[in-house]
C-alpha cells in the first residue's frame, strides 16, 4: 500500500512533472490510500488548471469522471478530533504542512505519539 497525497495523486489524471514516476508506482501497488481531504483538493486542482487555461472543458470533465470512478476503489483514511493532539506533536517534531499530520495516524502506526 502506498499513501498518496493530492499533489502526487493529481499526476494520475493530469500530466505534470513527476507523472511518469507516479504512473510507474501506481502499477506496482494494489492498494491506493489517501485522506478524505484529497477529494476536494484534487477537484480544486482540476478547476485551477481549467481556469488557468491549461486544460479545456472536455479534459476537465474526463479527469473528474476518471477521478470519481477511482474514488470508490481508493482506501480513504478518516481522521477524528481525538487525533488532533497527536497531530500537534507531529507538527512540532517534523516539517509537516497542511492536513498531512491528520492523515498519518492510526490505524497506520502512529500510536506511540
Protein backbone atom coordinates (compact mmCIF):
# COMPACT_ATOMS: atom_id res chain seq x y z
CA UNK A 1 0.00 0.00 0.00
CA UNK A 2 1.17 3.50 -0.81
CA UNK A 3 -0.31 6.64 0.73
CA UNK A 4 -0.93 9.34 -1.89
CA UNK A 5 -1.40 13.00 -1.07
CA UNK A 6 -3.29 15.15 -3.54
CA UNK A 7 -0.13 16.67 -5.07
CA UNK A 8 1.02 13.19 -6.10
CA UNK A 9 -2.37 11.72 -6.97
CA UNK A 10 -3.29 14.58 -9.31
CA UNK A 11 -0.46 13.32 -11.55
CA UNK A 12 -2.55 10.22 -12.25
CA UNK A 13 -5.02 12.43 -14.07
CA UNK A 14 -3.04 15.36 -15.45
CA UNK A 15 0.43 15.46 -16.98
CA UNK A 16 2.85 17.33 -14.71
CA UNK A 17 6.46 16.96 -13.64
CA UNK A 18 6.63 13.58 -11.93
CA UNK A 19 3.71 11.99 -13.80
CA UNK A 20 5.90 9.17 -15.14
CA UNK A 21 7.09 8.29 -11.64
CA UNK A 22 3.53 8.32 -10.29
CA UNK A 23 2.26 6.13 -13.14
CA UNK A 24 5.07 3.65 -12.52
CA UNK A 25 4.35 3.48 -8.78
CA UNK A 26 0.63 3.08 -9.41
CA UNK A 27 1.33 -0.02 -11.48
CA UNK A 28 3.28 -1.54 -8.59
CA UNK A 29 0.69 -1.09 -5.83
CA UNK A 30 -2.54 -2.95 -5.27
CA UNK A 31 -3.95 -0.58 -2.66
CA UNK A 32 -4.10 3.16 -3.14
CA UNK A 33 -4.69 5.09 0.10
CA UNK A 34 -5.36 8.76 0.68
CA UNK A 35 -7.09 11.18 3.02
CA UNK A 36 -10.70 12.22 2.67
CA UNK A 37 -9.32 15.75 2.19
CA UNK A 38 -7.83 14.63 -1.12
CA UNK A 39 -11.27 14.67 -2.77
CA UNK A 40 -11.80 18.45 -2.61
CA UNK A 41 -8.08 19.13 -3.07
CA UNK A 42 -7.96 17.17 -6.34
CA UNK A 43 -11.15 18.75 -7.67
CA UNK A 44 -9.75 22.17 -6.76
CA UNK A 45 -6.51 21.38 -8.63
CA UNK A 46 -8.51 20.36 -11.71
CA UNK A 47 -10.50 23.59 -11.58
CA UNK A 48 -7.35 25.70 -11.15
CA UNK A 49 -5.92 24.09 -14.28
CA UNK A 50 -9.15 24.82 -16.17
CA UNK A 51 -9.34 28.44 -15.01
CA UNK A 52 -5.69 28.96 -15.97
CA UNK A 53 -6.44 27.65 -19.46
CA UNK A 54 -4.11 24.66 -19.03
CA UNK A 55 -6.91 22.18 -19.80
CA UNK A 56 -10.10 22.53 -21.79
CA UNK A 57 -13.64 21.76 -20.62
CA UNK A 58 -13.69 18.31 -22.25
CA UNK A 59 -10.46 17.32 -20.49
CA UNK A 60 -11.80 18.70 -17.19
CA UNK A 61 -14.93 16.58 -17.46
CA UNK A 62 -12.89 13.49 -18.39
CA UNK A 63 -10.46 13.78 -15.47
CA UNK A 64 -13.28 14.45 -13.00
CA UNK A 65 -15.12 11.34 -14.24
CA UNK A 66 -11.98 9.22 -14.00
CA UNK A 67 -11.17 10.52 -10.51
CA UNK A 68 -14.71 9.96 -9.23
CA UNK A 69 -14.73 6.43 -10.65
CA UNK A 70 -11.40 5.73 -8.95
CA UNK A 71 -12.57 7.23 -5.65
CA UNK A 72 -14.78 4.22 -4.92
CA UNK A 73 -11.71 1.95 -5.11
CA UNK A 74 -9.38 4.11 -3.00
CA UNK A 75 -8.79 3.36 0.67
CA UNK A 76 -9.91 6.63 2.25
CA UNK A 77 -8.29 7.40 5.60
CA UNK A 78 -10.54 9.23 8.02
CA UNK A 79 -9.41 11.40 10.88
CA UNK A 80 -11.20 12.50 14.01
CA UNK A 81 -10.81 15.19 16.67
CA UNK A 82 -9.07 12.82 19.05
CA UNK A 83 -6.16 12.76 16.60
CA UNK A 84 -5.53 16.49 16.91
CA UNK A 85 -3.21 16.35 19.98
CA UNK A 86 -1.01 13.76 18.24
CA UNK A 87 -1.09 15.91 15.10
CA UNK A 88 0.25 18.81 17.14
CA UNK A 89 3.14 16.67 18.34
CA UNK A 90 3.92 15.60 14.75
CA UNK A 91 3.91 19.21 13.56
CA UNK A 92 6.25 20.21 16.39
CA UNK A 93 8.63 17.33 15.62
CA UNK A 94 8.56 17.18 11.80
CA UNK A 95 8.30 19.76 8.99
CA UNK A 96 4.75 18.79 8.02
CA UNK A 97 2.29 21.13 6.36
CA UNK A 98 -1.46 21.37 5.89
CA UNK A 99 -3.62 18.37 6.77
CA UNK A 100 -0.78 15.85 6.44
CA UNK A 101 -0.41 15.24 10.22
CA UNK A 102 -4.08 14.27 10.44
CA UNK A 103 -3.59 11.53 7.86
CA UNK A 104 -0.54 9.96 9.50
CA UNK A 105 -2.39 8.34 12.36
CA UNK A 106 -3.94 5.02 13.38
CA UNK A 107 -4.63 2.55 12.07
CA UNK A 108 -1.34 3.10 10.24
CA UNK A 109 1.19 3.16 13.03
CA UNK A 110 1.47 6.47 14.88
CA UNK A 111 0.06 5.14 18.17
CA UNK A 112 3.26 5.91 20.11
CA UNK A 113 2.87 9.64 19.65
